Amino acid sequence: MAMTLTLDQILAALEKTDTLDGLQTATEALRTFLGVAHIVYHWVDSAGDQYGCGTYSPEWRSRYLDQNYLRVDPVVSGCFQRFHPVDWKRLDWSSKAARALLTEAIDHGVGNQGFTVPIRGPNGQFALFTVNDNCTDDAWQAFTQANRRDLILIAHYFNQKALEFEPGRTPEVAQALSPREIDAMTLLAIGYNRAQVADSLSISEHTLRVYIESARFKLGAMNTTHAVARALSRGLIVV
């Protein structure tokens, strides 16, 4: 029996990979780690080319493309208008085409629940990181509430790696942020105040201030708000 990897091991392997196959391997490992039906990451690069990796069946991927479901998919249209993670139950599935899509998706094993993190990178890059499962609404709400922060950070790791595969991409001049600096910037970006961020990270506000100032210096930002904006625009954090 294959050993289940820890989240740190999965993300460390993802960070080291230099092939698209490495992203696919990470989705499969995350599915096992989280105990869900599917993990999918799909992105459109700055040139408009599309890529994807994940655990949906080949049959469903072919059916989705053959039926051109992209044009009626509430997940795509809904997430394109949002910056925050979206539970699929909050999207508009009222149209006949959307209901047909959802019915077919469930029939193909996608699951009756979904949670998608929209991600925007530099130069117009757009991506979606999705988790699916088949369970009750209460169970899904408990899962997403318990794992929301980890799912956002996982999406960031995928996006950071995907950006490395951009054709002709020039390396960022700014120094890389540490994991703790990324955590702090992400929580500030989603609206936490400093006290809430410190409490979430189980650190003092003094220590938090050190992380924020370090991130601000690395990003060449004038203040904290400027640092958060630069981190978002460069795809270093996702909200």
C-alpha atoms as a PDB file:
ATOM      1  CA  MET A   1       0.000   0.000   0.000  1.00  0.00           C
ATOM      2  CA  ALA A   2       1.376   3.427  -0.967  1.00  0.00           C
ATOM      3  CA  MET A   3       2.138   5.751   1.936  1.00  0.00           C
ATOM      4  CA  THR A   4       0.036   8.930   2.152  1.00  0.00           C
ATOM      5  CA  LEU A   5       2.282  11.976   1.894  1.00  0.00           C
ATOM      6  CA  THR A   6       1.940  14.915   4.264  1.00  0.00           C
ATOM      7  CA  LEU A   7       0.909  18.318   2.943  1.00  0.00           C
ATOM      8  CA  ASP A   8       4.443  19.653   3.483  1.00  0.00           C
ATOM      9  CA  GLN A   9       5.890  16.755   1.475  1.00  0.00           C
ATOM     10  CA  ILE A  10       3.420  17.322  -1.374  1.00  0.00           C
ATOM     11  CA  LEU A  11       4.134  21.052  -1.559  1.00  0.00           C
ATOM     12  CA  ALA A  12       7.898  20.494  -1.310  1.00  0.00           C
ATOM     13  CA  ALA A  13       7.752  18.099  -4.278  1.00  0.00           C
ATOM     14  CA  LEU A  14       5.588  20.570  -6.203  1.00  0.00           C
ATOM     15  CA  GLU A  15       8.060  23.362  -5.551  1.00  0.00           C
ATOM     16  CA  LYS A  16      10.954  21.267  -6.905  1.00  0.00           C
ATOM     17  CA  THR A  17       9.275  19.940 -10.054  1.00  0.00           C
ATOM     18  CA  ASP A  18      10.293  21.294 -13.443  1.00  0.00           C
ATOM     19  CA  THR A  19       7.666  19.496 -15.534  1.00  0.00           C
ATOM     20  CA  LEU A  20       3.906  19.705 -16.004  1.00  0.00           C
ATOM     21  CA  ASP A  21       3.750  16.067 -14.932  1.00  0.00           C
ATOM     22  CA  GLY A  22       4.823  17.234 -11.495  1.00  0.00           C
ATOM     23  CA  LEU A  23       1.655  19.318 -11.187  1.00  0.00           C
ATOM     24  CA  GLN A  24      -0.433  16.298 -12.154  1.00  0.00           C
ATOM     25  CA  THR A  25       1.310  14.156  -9.528  1.00  0.00           C
ATOM     26  CA  ALA A  26       0.598  16.824  -6.910  1.00  0.00           C
ATOM     27  CA  THR A  27      -3.148  16.827  -7.663  1.00  0.00           C
ATOM     28  CA  GLU A  28      -3.272  13.060  -7.213  1.00  0.00           C
ATOM     29  CA  ALA A  29      -1.323  13.196  -3.936  1.00  0.00           C
ATOM     30  CA  LEU A  30      -3.543  16.012  -2.624  1.00  0.00           C
ATOM     31  CA  ARG A  31      -6.689  14.057  -3.435  1.00  0.00           C
ATOM     32  CA  THR A  32      -5.434  11.231  -1.239  1.00  0.00           C
ATOM     33  CA  PHE A  33      -4.244  13.566   1.509  1.00  0.00           C
ATOM     34  CA  LEU A  34      -7.521  15.508   1.708  1.00  0.00           C
ATOM     35  CA  GLY A  35      -9.722  12.445   1.184  1.00  0.00           C
ATOM     36  CA  VAL A  36     -11.817  14.088  -1.532  1.00  0.00           C
ATOM     37  CA  ALA A  37     -13.120  12.931  -4.901  1.00  0.00           C
ATOM     38  CA  HIS A  38     -11.132  15.310  -7.098  1.00  0.00           C
ATOM     39  CA  ILE A  39      -8.490  18.033  -7.262  1.00  0.00           C
ATOM     40  CA  VAL A  40      -8.191  20.150 -10.425  1.00  0.00           C
ATOM     41  CA  TYR A  41      -5.973  23.076 -11.424  1.00  0.00           C
ATOM     42  CA  HIS A  42      -6.659  24.879 -14.721  1.00  0.00           C
ATOM     43  CA  TRP A  43      -4.996  28.009 -15.988  1.00  0.00           C
ATOM     44  CA  VAL A  44      -4.824  30.369 -18.928  1.00  0.00           C
ATOM     45  CA  ASP A  45      -1.425  31.972 -19.431  1.00  0.00           C
ATOM     46  CA  SER A  46      -0.675  35.502 -20.588  1.00  0.00           C
ATOM     47  CA  ALA A  47      -0.637  34.350 -24.236  1.00  0.00           C
ATOM     48  CA  GLY A  48      -4.119  32.822 -23.936  1.00  0.00           C
ATOM     49  CA  ASP A  49      -2.934  29.202 -23.988  1.00  0.00           C
ATOM     50  CA  GLN A  50      -4.774  26.836 -21.638  1.00  0.00           C
ATOM     51  CA  TYR A  51      -3.358  24.092 -19.464  1.00  0.00           C
ATOM     52  CA  GLY A  52      -4.850  21.746 -16.930  1.00  0.00           C
ATOM     53  CA  CYS A  53      -4.058  18.986 -14.504  1.00  0.00           C
ATOM     54  CA  GLY A  54      -6.270  17.046 -12.154  1.00  0.00           C
ATOM     55  CA  THR A  55      -8.141  13.881 -11.365  1.00  0.00           C
ATOM     56  CA  TYR A  56     -11.329  14.144 -13.433  1.00  0.00           C
ATOM     57  CA  SER A  57     -11.849  11.117 -15.673  1.00  0.00           C
ATOM     58  CA  PRO A  58     -10.750  11.316 -19.337  1.00  0.00           C
ATOM     59  CA  GLU A  59     -14.386  10.640 -20.281  1.00  0.00           C
ATOM     60  CA  TRP A  60     -15.605  13.705 -18.405  1.00  0.00           C
ATOM     61  CA  ARG A  61     -12.867  15.928 -19.787  1.00  0.00           C
ATOM     62  CA  SER A  62     -13.758  14.854 -23.326  1.00  0.00           C
ATOM     63  CA  ARG A  63     -17.481  15.306 -22.726  1.00  0.00           C
ATOM     64  CA  TYR A  64     -16.942  18.790 -21.262  1.00  0.00           C
ATOM     65  CA  LEU A  65     -14.955  19.845 -24.327  1.00  0.00           C
ATOM     66  CA  ASP A  66     -17.262  18.181 -26.849  1.00  0.00           C
ATOM     67  CA  GLN A  67     -20.321  19.928 -25.405  1.00  0.00           C
ATOM     68  CA  ASN A  68     -18.476  23.257 -25.128  1.00  0.00           C
ATOM     69  CA  TYR A  69     -19.594  23.492 -21.511  1.00  0.00           C
ATOM     70  CA  LEU A  70     -17.008  26.194 -20.906  1.00  0.00           C
ATOM     71  CA  ARG A  71     -19.396  28.802 -22.338  1.00  0.00           C
ATOM     72  CA  VAL A  72     -22.190  27.953 -19.831  1.00  0.00           C
ATOM     73  CA  ASP A  73     -20.186  26.814 -16.800  1.00  0.00           C
ATOM     74  CA  PRO A  74     -21.234  28.901 -13.756  1.00  0.00           C
ATOM     75  CA  VAL A  75     -17.921  28.054 -12.058  1.00  0.00           C
ATOM     76  CA  VAL A  76     -15.921  29.737 -14.821  1.00  0.00           C
ATOM     77  CA  SER A  77     -18.195  32.766 -15.228  1.00  0.00           C
ATOM     78  CA  GLY A  78     -18.793  33.128 -11.485  1.00  0.00           C
ATOM     79  CA  CYS A  79     -15.135  32.892 -10.496  1.00  0.00           C
ATOM     80  CA  PHE A  80     -14.016  35.274 -13.218  1.00  0.00           C
ATOM     81  CA  GLN A  81     -16.059  37.962 -11.452  1.00  0.00           C
ATOM     82  CA  ARG A  82     -14.728  37.142  -7.983  1.00  0.00           C
ATOM     83  CA  PHE A  83     -11.475  37.279  -6.048  1.00  0.00           C
ATOM     84  CA  HIS A  84     -12.487  35.104  -3.107  1.00  0.00           C
ATOM     85  CA  PRO A  85     -12.984  31.316  -2.961  1.00  0.00           C
ATOM     86  CA  VAL A  86     -16.415  30.177  -4.114  1.00  0.00           C
ATOM     87  CA  ASP A  87     -18.600  27.326  -2.929  1.00  0.00           C
ATOM     88  CA  TRP A  88     -20.415  25.933  -5.956  1.00  0.00           C
ATOM     89  CA  LYS A  89     -23.753  25.991  -4.117  1.00  0.00           C
ATOM     90  CA  ARG A  90     -23.552  29.804  -4.103  1.00  0.00           C
ATOM     91  CA  LEU A  91     -23.334  29.993  -7.900  1.00  0.00           C
ATOM     92  CA  ASP A  92     -26.280  30.415 -10.268  1.00  0.00           C
ATOM     93  CA  TRP A  93     -27.231  26.999 -11.690  1.00  0.00           C
ATOM     94  CA  SER A  94     -30.755  28.071 -12.673  1.00  0.00           C
ATOM     95  CA  SER A  95     -30.359  27.970 -16.455  1.00  0.00           C
ATOM     96  CA  LYS A  96     -31.268  24.819 -18.348  1.00  0.00           C
ATOM     97  CA  ALA A  97     -27.739  24.558 -19.782  1.00  0.00           C
ATOM     98  CA  ALA A  98     -26.121  24.916 -16.352  1.00  0.00           C
ATOM     99  CA  ARG A  99     -28.413  22.283 -14.836  1.00  0.00           C
ATOM    100  CA  ALA A 100     -27.575  19.887 -17.675  1.00  0.00           C
ATOM    101  CA  LEU A 101     -23.884  20.480 -17.060  1.00  0.00           C
ATOM    102  CA  LEU A 102     -24.213  19.801 -13.336  1.00  0.00           C
ATOM    103  CA  THR A 103     -26.267  16.641 -13.881  1.00  0.00           C
ATOM    104  CA  GLU A 104     -23.701  15.263 -16.320  1.00  0.00           C
ATOM    105  CA  ALA A 105     -20.823  16.213 -14.037  1.00  0.00           C
ATOM    106  CA  ILE A 106     -22.354  14.288 -11.144  1.00  0.00           C
ATOM    107  CA  ASP A 107     -23.062  11.325 -13.431  1.00  0.00           C
ATOM    108  CA  HIS A 108     -19.378  11.316 -14.399  1.00  0.00           C
ATOM    109  CA  GLY A 109     -18.255  11.196 -10.767  1.00  0.00           C
ATOM    110  CA  VAL A 110     -17.283  14.816 -10.239  1.00  0.00           C
ATOM    111  CA  GLY A 111     -19.333  14.945  -7.040  1.00  0.00           C
ATOM    112  CA  ASN A 112     -22.214  17.066  -5.836  1.00  0.00           C
ATOM    113  CA  GLN A 113     -19.984  19.577  -4.024  1.00  0.00           C
ATOM    114  CA  GLY A 114     -17.309  21.966  -5.251  1.00  0.00           C
ATOM    115  CA  PHE A 115     -15.035  24.676  -3.899  1.00  0.00           C
ATOM    116  CA  THR A 116     -12.983  26.821  -6.287  1.00  0.00           C
ATOM    117  CA  VAL A 117     -10.227  29.351  -5.646  1.00  0.00           C
ATOM    118  CA  PRO A 118      -9.879  31.919  -8.482  1.00  0.00           C
ATOM    119  CA  ILE A 119      -6.316  33.119  -8.986  1.00  0.00           C
ATOM    120  CA  ARG A 120      -4.958  36.039 -10.959  1.00  0.00           C
ATOM    121  CA  GLY A 121      -1.327  36.337 -11.885  1.00  0.00           C
ATOM    122  CA  PRO A 122       0.751  38.991 -13.629  1.00  0.00           C
ATOM    123  CA  ASN A 123       0.137  39.853 -17.281  1.00  0.00           C
ATOM    124  CA  GLY A 124      -3.454  38.621 -17.368  1.00  0.00           C
ATOM    125  CA  GLN A 125      -2.914  35.046 -16.235  1.00  0.00           C
ATOM    126  CA  PHE A 126      -6.073  33.485 -14.749  1.00  0.00           C
ATOM    127  CA  ALA A 127      -6.459  30.158 -13.001  1.00  0.00           C
ATOM    128  CA  LEU A 128      -8.907  28.050 -11.011  1.00  0.00           C
ATOM    129  CA  PHE A 129      -8.011  25.581  -8.261  1.00  0.00           C
ATOM    130  CA  THR A 130     -10.933  23.274  -7.463  1.00  0.00           C
ATOM    131  CA  VAL A 131     -11.755  20.622  -4.878  1.00  0.00           C
ATOM    132  CA  ASN A 132     -14.758  18.307  -5.347  1.00  0.00           C
ATOM    133  CA  ASP A 133     -16.455  15.645  -3.272  1.00  0.00           C
ATOM    134  CA  ASN A 134     -19.730  13.780  -2.870  1.00  0.00           C
ATOM    135  CA  CYS A 135     -21.229  14.431   0.562  1.00  0.00           C
ATOM    136  CA  THR A 136     -23.944  16.303   2.448  1.00  0.00           C
ATOM    137  CA  ASP A 137     -24.054  20.099   2.579  1.00  0.00           C
ATOM    138  CA  ASP A 138     -23.244  20.050   6.312  1.00  0.00           C
ATOM    139  CA  ALA A 139     -20.229  17.792   5.830  1.00  0.00           C
ATOM    140  CA  TRP A 140     -18.966  19.939   2.969  1.00  0.00           C
ATOM    141  CA  GLN A 141     -19.366  23.140   4.941  1.00  0.00           C
ATOM    142  CA  ALA A 142     -17.392  21.614   7.811  1.00  0.00           C
ATOM    143  CA  PHE A 143     -14.651  20.497   5.397  1.00  0.00           C
ATOM    144  CA  THR A 144     -14.305  23.843   3.622  1.00  0.00           C
ATOM    145  CA  GLN A 145     -14.343  25.808   6.875  1.00  0.00           C
ATOM    146  CA  ALA A 146     -11.656  23.568   8.370  1.00  0.00           C
ATOM    147  CA  ASN A 147      -9.456  23.609   5.256  1.00  0.00           C
ATOM    148  CA  ARG A 148     -10.166  27.005   3.672  1.00  0.00           C
ATOM    149  CA  ARG A 149      -6.822  28.563   4.594  1.00  0.00           C
ATOM    150  CA  ASP A 150      -4.824  25.522   3.459  1.00  0.00           C
ATOM    151  CA  LEU A 151      -6.735  25.356   0.165  1.00  0.00           C
ATOM    152  CA  ILE A 152      -5.965  29.016  -0.576  1.00  0.00           C
ATOM    153  CA  LEU A 153      -2.278  28.498   0.147  1.00  0.00           C
ATOM    154  CA  ILE A 154      -2.179  25.274  -1.910  1.00  0.00           C
ATOM    155  CA  ALA A 155      -3.713  27.186  -4.825  1.00  0.00           C
ATOM    156  CA  HIS A 156      -0.943  29.745  -4.453  1.00  0.00           C
ATOM    157  CA  TYR A 157       1.718  27.040  -4.666  1.00  0.00           C
ATOM    158  CA  PHE A 158       0.184  25.647  -7.854  1.00  0.00           C
ATOM    159  CA  ASN A 159      -0.040  29.097  -9.392  1.00  0.00           C
ATOM    160  CA  GLN A 160       3.511  29.986  -8.478  1.00  0.00           C
ATOM    161  CA  LYS A 161       4.739  26.820 -10.172  1.00  0.00           C
ATOM    162  CA  ALA A 162       2.508  27.345 -13.228  1.00  0.00           C
ATOM    163  CA  LEU A 163       3.966  30.826 -13.714  1.00  0.00           C
ATOM    164  CA  GLU A 164       7.401  29.248 -14.088  1.00  0.00           C
ATOM    165  CA  PHE A 165       6.177  27.509 -17.234  1.00  0.00           C
ATOM    166  CA  GLU A 166       5.153  30.780 -18.914  1.00  0.00           C
ATOM    167  CA  PRO A 167       6.914  31.025 -22.315  1.00  0.00           C
ATOM    168  CA  GLY A 168       9.523  33.776 -22.269  1.00  0.00           C
ATOM    169  CA  ARG A 169       8.788  34.637 -18.663  1.00  0.00           C
ATOM    170  CA  THR A 170      11.350  36.951 -17.104  1.00  0.00           C
ATOM    171  CA  PRO A 171      12.293  36.155 -13.510  1.00  0.00           C
ATOM    172  CA  GLU A 172      10.957  38.446 -10.811  1.00  0.00           C
ATOM    173  CA  VAL A 173      13.500  40.909  -9.484  1.00  0.00           C
ATOM    174  CA  ALA A 174      12.017  40.823  -6.003  1.00  0.00           C
ATOM    175  CA  GLN A 175      13.313  38.335  -3.460  1.00  0.00           C
ATOM    176  CA  ALA A 176      11.071  35.369  -2.682  1.00  0.00           C
ATOM    177  CA  LEU A 177       8.789  35.693   0.328  1.00  0.00           C
ATOM    178  CA  SER A 178       9.159  33.167   3.133  1.00  0.00           C
ATOM    179  CA  PRO A 179       6.202  30.865   3.947  1.00  0.00           C
ATOM    180  CA  ARG A 180       5.409  32.957   7.039  1.00  0.00           C
ATOM    181  CA  GLU A 181       5.539  36.194   5.045  1.00  0.00           C
ATOM    182  CA  ILE A 182       3.182  34.657   2.478  1.00  0.00           C
ATOM    183  CA  ASP A 183       0.803  33.612   5.277  1.00  0.00           C
ATOM    184  CA  ALA A 184       0.828  37.107   6.777  1.00  0.00           C
ATOM    185  CA  MET A 185       0.330  38.878   3.431  1.00  0.00           C
ATOM    186  CA  THR A 186      -2.468  36.491   2.432  1.00  0.00           C
ATOM    187  CA  LEU A 187      -4.431  37.023   5.636  1.00  0.00           C
ATOM    188  CA  LEU A 188      -4.014  40.789   5.388  1.00  0.00           C
ATOM    189  CA  ALA A 189      -5.212  40.636   1.776  1.00  0.00           C
ATOM    190  CA  ILE A 190      -8.457  38.867   2.708  1.00  0.00           C
ATOM    191  CA  GLY A 191      -9.265  41.541   5.284  1.00  0.00           C
ATOM    192  CA  TYR A 192      -7.855  40.369   8.620  1.00  0.00           C
ATOM    193  CA  ASN A 193      -6.521  43.076  10.898  1.00  0.00           C
ATOM    194  CA  ARG A 194      -3.090  42.666  12.490  1.00  0.00           C
ATOM    195  CA  ALA A 195      -4.442  41.252  15.733  1.00  0.00           C
ATOM    196  CA  GLN A 196      -6.463  38.632  13.843  1.00  0.00           C
ATOM    197  CA  VAL A 197      -3.481  37.714  11.668  1.00  0.00           C
ATOM    198  CA  ALA A 198      -1.236  37.302  14.702  1.00  0.00           C
ATOM    199  CA  ASP A 199      -3.854  35.164  16.420  1.00  0.00           C
ATOM    200  CA  SER A 200      -4.364  32.995  13.309  1.00  0.00           C
ATOM    201  CA  LEU A 201      -0.622  32.390  12.984  1.00  0.00           C
ATOM    202  CA  SER A 202      -0.161  31.918  16.764  1.00  0.00           C
ATOM    203  CA  ILE A 203       2.498  34.624  16.947  1.00  0.00           C
ATOM    204  CA  SER A 204       2.820  37.967  18.725  1.00  0.00           C
ATOM    205  CA  GLU A 205       1.979  41.220  16.970  1.00  0.00           C
ATOM    206  CA  HIS A 206       5.641  42.184  17.347  1.00  0.00           C
ATOM    207  CA  THR A 207       6.725  39.066  15.437  1.00  0.00           C
ATOM    208  CA  LEU A 208       4.025  39.735  12.840  1.00  0.00           C
ATOM    209  CA  ARG A 209       5.384  43.253  12.363  1.00  0.00           C
ATOM    210  CA  VAL A 210       8.816  41.758  11.614  1.00  0.00           C
ATOM    211  CA  TYR A 211       7.320  39.504   8.910  1.00  0.00           C
ATOM    212  CA  ILE A 212       5.359  42.378   7.366  1.00  0.00           C
ATOM    213  CA  GLU A 213       8.352  44.725   7.298  1.00  0.00           C
ATOM    214  CA  SER A 214      10.531  42.013   5.784  1.00  0.00           C
ATOM    215  CA  ALA A 215       7.943  41.335   3.054  1.00  0.00           C
ATOM    216  CA  ARG A 216       7.560  45.072   2.418  1.00  0.00           C
ATOM    217  CA  PHE A 217      11.324  45.445   1.964  1.00  0.00           C
ATOM    218  CA  LYS A 218      11.546  42.447  -0.414  1.00  0.00           C
ATOM    219  CA  LEU A 219       8.660  43.789  -2.501  1.00  0.00           C
ATOM    220  CA  GLY A 220      10.028  47.323  -2.621  1.00  0.00           C
ATOM    221  CA  ALA A 221       6.741  48.621  -1.212  1.00  0.00           C
ATOM    222  CA  MET A 222       6.109  51.964   0.458  1.00  0.00           C
ATOM    223  CA  ASN A 223       3.701  50.594   3.071  1.00  0.00           C
ATOM    224  CA  THR A 224       1.736  47.479   4.014  1.00  0.00           C
ATOM    225  CA  THR A 225      -1.128  48.171   1.588  1.00  0.00           C
ATOM    226  CA  HIS A 226       1.352  48.670  -1.241  1.00  0.00           C
ATOM    227  CA  ALA A 227       3.114  45.419  -0.251  1.00  0.00           C
ATOM    228  CA  VAL A 228      -0.136  43.443  -0.359  1.00  0.00           C
ATOM    229  CA  ALA A 229      -1.012  44.943  -3.761  1.00  0.00           C
ATOM    230  CA  ARG A 230       2.419  44.065  -5.177  1.00  0.00           C
ATOM    231  CA  ALA A 231       2.260  40.526  -3.782  1.00  0.00           C
ATOM    232  CA  LEU A 232      -1.155  40.039  -5.411  1.00  0.00           C
ATOM    233  CA  SER A 233      -0.156  41.492  -8.764  1.00  0.00           C
ATOM    234  CA  ARG A 234       2.921  39.267  -8.934  1.00  0.00           C
ATOM    235  CA  GLY A 235       0.968  36.132  -8.057  1.00  0.00           C
ATOM    236  CA  LEU A 236       2.900  35.670  -4.799  1.00  0.00           C
ATOM    237  CA  ILE A 237      -0.317  35.423  -2.794  1.00  0.00           C
ATOM    238  CA  VAL A 238      -3.921  34.559  -3.711  1.00  0.00           C
ATOM    239  CA  VAL A 239      -7.219  35.611  -2.163  1.00  0.00           C
END
